[in-house]
């Protein structure tokens, strides 16, 4: 099992999107997208898992806030090293 988090930046931090993908045996079965605001099941098993994950309002709120606490914060920290480097 593996969880992979991705931050997508459009025009700096003007539009930020967090996508958290859940894999089992190299197959993605659940995805959280901050634009959607909830988990989405991509397989029959993933739909059951997504229902379970979406039933926890504290977890959903944490992931929705991760756009600011994780993505935007890391963008500000890493920009001088990654974007402005020549």
Protein backbone atom coordinates (compact mmCIF):
# COMPACT_ATOMS: atom_id res chain seq x y z
CA UNK A 1 0.00 0.00 0.00
CA UNK A 2 1.23 3.50 -0.81
CA UNK A 3 -0.09 7.04 -0.47
CA UNK A 4 1.25 9.77 -2.73
CA UNK A 5 0.52 13.47 -2.24
CA UNK A 6 0.91 15.96 -5.07
CA UNK A 7 0.62 19.73 -5.05
CA UNK A 8 -0.31 21.37 -8.34
CA UNK A 9 0.48 25.07 -8.69
CA UNK A 10 -0.99 27.34 -11.35
CA UNK A 11 0.47 30.83 -11.61
CA UNK A 12 2.53 30.56 -8.42
CA UNK A 13 0.24 30.12 -5.44
CA UNK A 14 -2.74 31.81 -7.09
CA UNK A 15 -4.44 28.45 -7.72
CA UNK A 16 -3.23 25.48 -5.66
CA UNK A 17 -4.63 21.96 -5.79
CA UNK A 18 -3.78 19.02 -3.53
CA UNK A 19 -4.23 15.51 -4.90
CA UNK A 20 -3.65 12.57 -2.59
CA UNK A 21 -3.60 9.16 -4.31
CA UNK A 22 -3.94 5.79 -2.58
CA UNK A 23 -2.41 2.71 -4.25
CA UNK A 24 -2.52 -1.01 -3.58
CA UNK A 25 -0.48 -3.41 -5.75
CA UNK A 26 0.43 -0.49 -8.04
CA UNK A 27 -3.24 0.24 -8.74
CA UNK A 28 -4.79 3.53 -7.65
CA UNK A 29 -8.04 2.82 -5.85
CA UNK A 30 -8.91 6.07 -4.02
CA UNK A 31 -8.11 9.73 -4.66
CA UNK A 32 -8.63 12.91 -2.64
CA UNK A 33 -8.80 16.08 -4.72
CA UNK A 34 -8.99 19.41 -2.89
CA UNK A 35 -11.03 20.86 -5.78
CA UNK A 36 -13.67 18.16 -5.20
CA UNK A 37 -13.23 18.29 -1.41
CA UNK A 38 -13.71 14.59 -0.74
CA UNK A 39 -12.35 11.13 -1.52
CA UNK A 40 -13.42 9.45 -4.75
CA UNK A 41 -13.28 5.69 -5.27
CA UNK A 42 -11.76 4.54 -8.56
CA UNK A 43 -12.47 0.82 -8.12
CA UNK A 44 -15.35 -1.06 -6.44
CA UNK A 45 -13.18 -1.58 -3.35
CA UNK A 46 -12.06 2.05 -3.54
CA UNK A 47 -15.67 3.23 -3.45
CA UNK A 48 -16.16 1.45 -0.11
CA UNK A 49 -12.93 2.92 1.25
CA UNK A 50 -13.91 6.39 0.01
CA UNK A 51 -17.28 6.17 1.78
CA UNK A 52 -15.47 5.26 4.99
CA UNK A 53 -12.89 8.06 4.63
CA UNK A 54 -15.56 10.64 3.75
CA UNK A 55 -17.53 9.76 6.88
CA UNK A 56 -14.86 11.44 9.04
CA UNK A 57 -15.40 15.22 8.90
CA UNK A 58 -12.20 15.93 10.84
CA UNK A 59 -10.11 14.06 8.26
CA UNK A 60 -11.75 15.92 5.39
CA UNK A 61 -11.19 19.27 7.07
CA UNK A 62 -7.53 18.39 7.69
CA UNK A 63 -6.99 17.53 4.02
CA UNK A 64 -8.81 20.63 2.80
CA UNK A 65 -6.55 22.76 5.02
CA UNK A 66 -3.45 20.92 3.78
CA UNK A 67 -3.55 23.10 0.66
CA UNK A 68 -2.41 25.99 2.87
CA UNK A 69 -0.42 24.16 5.54
CA UNK A 70 1.43 21.77 3.21
CA UNK A 71 1.36 22.97 -0.41
CA UNK A 72 1.57 26.74 -0.09
CA UNK A 73 4.05 26.54 2.78
CA UNK A 74 6.38 24.19 0.91
CA UNK A 75 6.12 26.34 -2.21
CA UNK A 76 7.34 29.37 -0.26
CA UNK A 77 10.19 27.39 1.30
CA UNK A 78 11.40 25.70 -1.90
CA UNK A 79 10.85 28.49 -4.47
CA UNK A 80 14.26 30.15 -3.92
CA UNK A 81 15.99 26.81 -4.56
CA UNK A 82 13.87 25.44 -7.40
CA UNK A 83 12.29 28.27 -9.36
CA UNK A 84 14.66 31.21 -9.00
CA UNK A 85 17.85 29.18 -9.40
CA UNK A 86 19.86 29.70 -12.59
